[in-house]
Amino acid sequence: MKSLILFAVIAVSLGSTAFTTIENPIKNGNTTTICHNLDFTLINETGYNISSIFVSPTTENEWGEDIMGRDLLNDGESVDISFHPGENDKKWDIYVTWEGYEADEDVHWIGFDLSTISEITLFYEAKTGKTWAVTK
């Protein structure tokens, strides 16, 4: 389980514009590094108002800090999540908390290849604890 510690620089802006995935090669000495556009729009269809959003690489053991950028992401609303241009991890996990969140309600979604995704819609079934997502 990941713990909540500052991990990466991620900026959040509000809106519903989807981003296209772009790969730009950057020459660094004798090597070429591919920088992936990891920005995406997160849509809340969990049935709950989300109060915190944490995003971290799948390979990390830390969640980082809340990147929400506002008080609540109401059910049915979206938020644009933007990454630092130098970020190069491709697979990412998402963890959220919501109004009335209980510590035993550990809800997360794992393994998103953000280099190929511009939109993630989160779903949650409270009765079964099942999470799923639809990506574009």
Protein backbone atom coordinates (compact mmCIF):
# COMPACT_ATOMS: atom_id res chain seq x y z
CA MET A 1 0.00 0.00 0.00
CA LYS A 2 1.27 3.42 -0.87
CA SER A 3 1.55 6.05 1.82
CA LEU A 4 0.79 9.75 1.49
CA ILE A 5 4.09 11.65 1.06
CA LEU A 6 5.11 14.40 -1.39
CA PHE A 7 6.36 12.65 -4.54
CA ALA A 8 6.03 14.60 -7.78
CA VAL A 9 5.17 17.99 -9.13
CA ILE A 10 1.72 17.78 -10.66
CA ALA A 11 -0.42 20.81 -11.45
CA VAL A 12 -4.19 20.69 -11.63
CA SER A 13 -6.44 22.94 -13.66
CA LEU A 14 -10.24 22.87 -13.85
CA GLY A 15 -12.18 22.17 -17.03
CA SER A 16 -13.31 19.43 -19.34
CA THR A 17 -10.89 19.67 -22.28
CA ALA A 18 -9.29 16.35 -23.23
CA PHE A 19 -5.63 16.29 -24.20
CA THR A 20 -4.06 14.45 -27.10
CA THR A 21 -1.09 12.22 -26.48
CA ILE A 22 2.11 13.61 -27.99
CA GLU A 23 5.60 12.19 -27.83
CA ASN A 24 8.44 14.65 -28.36
CA PRO A 25 12.02 13.39 -28.65
CA ILE A 26 14.53 15.45 -26.67
CA LYS A 27 18.22 15.11 -27.47
CA ASN A 28 20.41 14.95 -24.39
CA GLY A 29 24.05 14.52 -25.31
CA ASN A 30 24.40 11.23 -27.22
CA THR A 31 21.00 9.86 -26.21
CA THR A 32 17.43 10.71 -27.15
CA THR A 33 14.78 10.76 -24.45
CA ILE A 34 11.08 10.41 -25.29
CA CYS A 35 8.88 12.73 -23.21
CA HIS A 36 5.29 11.57 -23.00
CA ASN A 37 2.32 13.87 -22.60
CA LEU A 38 0.72 12.41 -19.47
CA ASP A 39 -1.96 15.07 -19.01
CA PHE A 40 -5.52 13.76 -18.77
CA THR A 41 -9.06 14.67 -17.77
CA LEU A 42 -10.42 12.82 -14.72
CA ILE A 43 -14.21 12.34 -14.62
CA ASN A 44 -15.91 11.38 -11.36
CA GLU A 45 -18.72 8.84 -11.82
CA THR A 46 -18.17 7.14 -8.44
CA GLY A 47 -21.46 8.26 -6.94
CA TYR A 48 -19.52 10.27 -4.33
CA ASN A 49 -18.09 13.78 -4.11
CA ILE A 50 -14.30 13.35 -4.24
CA SER A 51 -12.37 15.44 -1.70
CA SER A 52 -8.78 14.30 -2.48
CA ILE A 53 -6.96 12.93 -5.53
CA PHE A 54 -3.54 11.29 -5.38
CA VAL A 55 -1.63 10.17 -8.49
CA SER A 56 1.72 8.36 -8.46
CA PRO A 57 3.75 6.07 -10.72
CA THR A 58 2.83 2.40 -10.40
CA THR A 59 6.46 1.66 -9.45
CA GLU A 60 6.39 4.00 -6.42
CA ASN A 61 5.41 3.10 -2.85
CA GLU A 62 4.31 6.64 -1.96
CA TRP A 63 1.11 8.40 -3.02
CA GLY A 64 2.42 11.95 -2.92
CA GLU A 65 0.24 14.90 -2.00
CA ASP A 66 -3.36 15.72 -2.80
CA ILE A 67 -3.50 17.30 -6.27
CA MET A 68 -7.21 18.17 -6.23
CA GLY A 69 -6.73 21.93 -6.60
CA ARG A 70 -10.18 22.69 -5.13
CA ASP A 71 -12.46 21.58 -2.30
CA LEU A 72 -14.59 18.94 -4.06
CA LEU A 73 -14.95 17.14 -7.37
CA ASN A 74 -18.67 16.44 -7.32
CA ASP A 75 -20.10 13.28 -8.84
CA GLY A 76 -20.45 13.86 -12.59
CA GLU A 77 -17.80 16.62 -12.71
CA SER A 78 -14.33 16.56 -14.28
CA VAL A 79 -10.92 18.04 -13.57
CA ASP A 80 -7.88 18.37 -15.85
CA ILE A 81 -4.65 16.94 -14.41
CA SER A 82 -1.36 18.20 -15.86
CA PHE A 83 2.12 16.80 -15.30
CA HIS A 84 5.54 18.41 -15.19
CA PRO A 85 6.93 18.24 -18.77
CA GLY A 86 9.99 16.20 -17.68
CA GLU A 87 7.98 13.36 -16.12
CA ASN A 88 8.77 10.10 -17.92
CA ASP A 89 6.97 7.30 -16.03
CA LYS A 90 4.18 5.89 -18.21
CA LYS A 91 2.13 3.72 -15.80
CA TRP A 92 0.27 5.54 -13.01
CA ASP A 93 -2.11 4.74 -10.14
CA ILE A 94 -4.96 6.91 -8.81
CA TYR A 95 -6.23 7.00 -5.22
CA VAL A 96 -9.19 9.11 -4.05
CA THR A 97 -11.01 9.98 -0.87
CA TRP A 98 -14.49 11.49 -0.66
CA GLU A 99 -16.81 13.26 1.73
CA GLY A 100 -17.42 10.95 4.68
CA TYR A 101 -14.37 8.82 3.76
CA GLU A 102 -13.49 6.08 6.24
CA ALA A 103 -9.91 4.80 6.61
CA ASP A 104 -10.97 1.23 5.76
CA GLU A 105 -12.35 2.40 2.39
CA ASP A 106 -9.08 2.24 0.45
CA VAL A 107 -10.23 3.00 -3.10
CA HIS A 108 -7.74 3.11 -5.93
CA TRP A 109 -7.27 2.34 -9.61
CA ILE A 110 -3.93 1.01 -10.87
CA GLY A 111 -1.78 0.69 -13.96
CA PHE A 112 -2.94 3.48 -16.29
CA ASP A 113 -0.58 4.03 -19.24
CA LEU A 114 -1.06 7.79 -19.32
CA SER A 115 1.02 8.14 -22.47
CA THR A 116 -1.94 6.64 -24.37
CA ILE A 117 -4.88 8.08 -22.39
CA SER A 118 -6.48 11.53 -22.50
CA GLU A 119 -9.53 10.84 -20.32
CA ILE A 120 -10.26 8.56 -17.35
CA THR A 121 -13.76 8.07 -15.96
CA LEU A 122 -13.74 6.53 -12.47
CA PHE A 123 -16.50 4.23 -11.21
CA TYR A 124 -17.01 2.64 -7.78
CA GLU A 125 -19.57 0.14 -6.48
CA ALA A 126 -19.75 0.67 -2.71
CA LYS A 127 -21.68 -2.54 -1.98
CA THR A 128 -18.98 -4.76 -3.47
CA GLY A 129 -15.96 -2.44 -3.15
CA LYS A 130 -15.34 -2.87 -6.89
CA THR A 131 -13.57 -0.11 -8.81
CA TRP A 132 -13.29 0.24 -12.57
CA ALA A 133 -12.52 2.91 -15.10
CA VAL A 134 -13.25 3.74 -18.71
CA THR A 135 -10.42 5.36 -20.65
CA LYS A 136 -10.15 7.24 -23.93
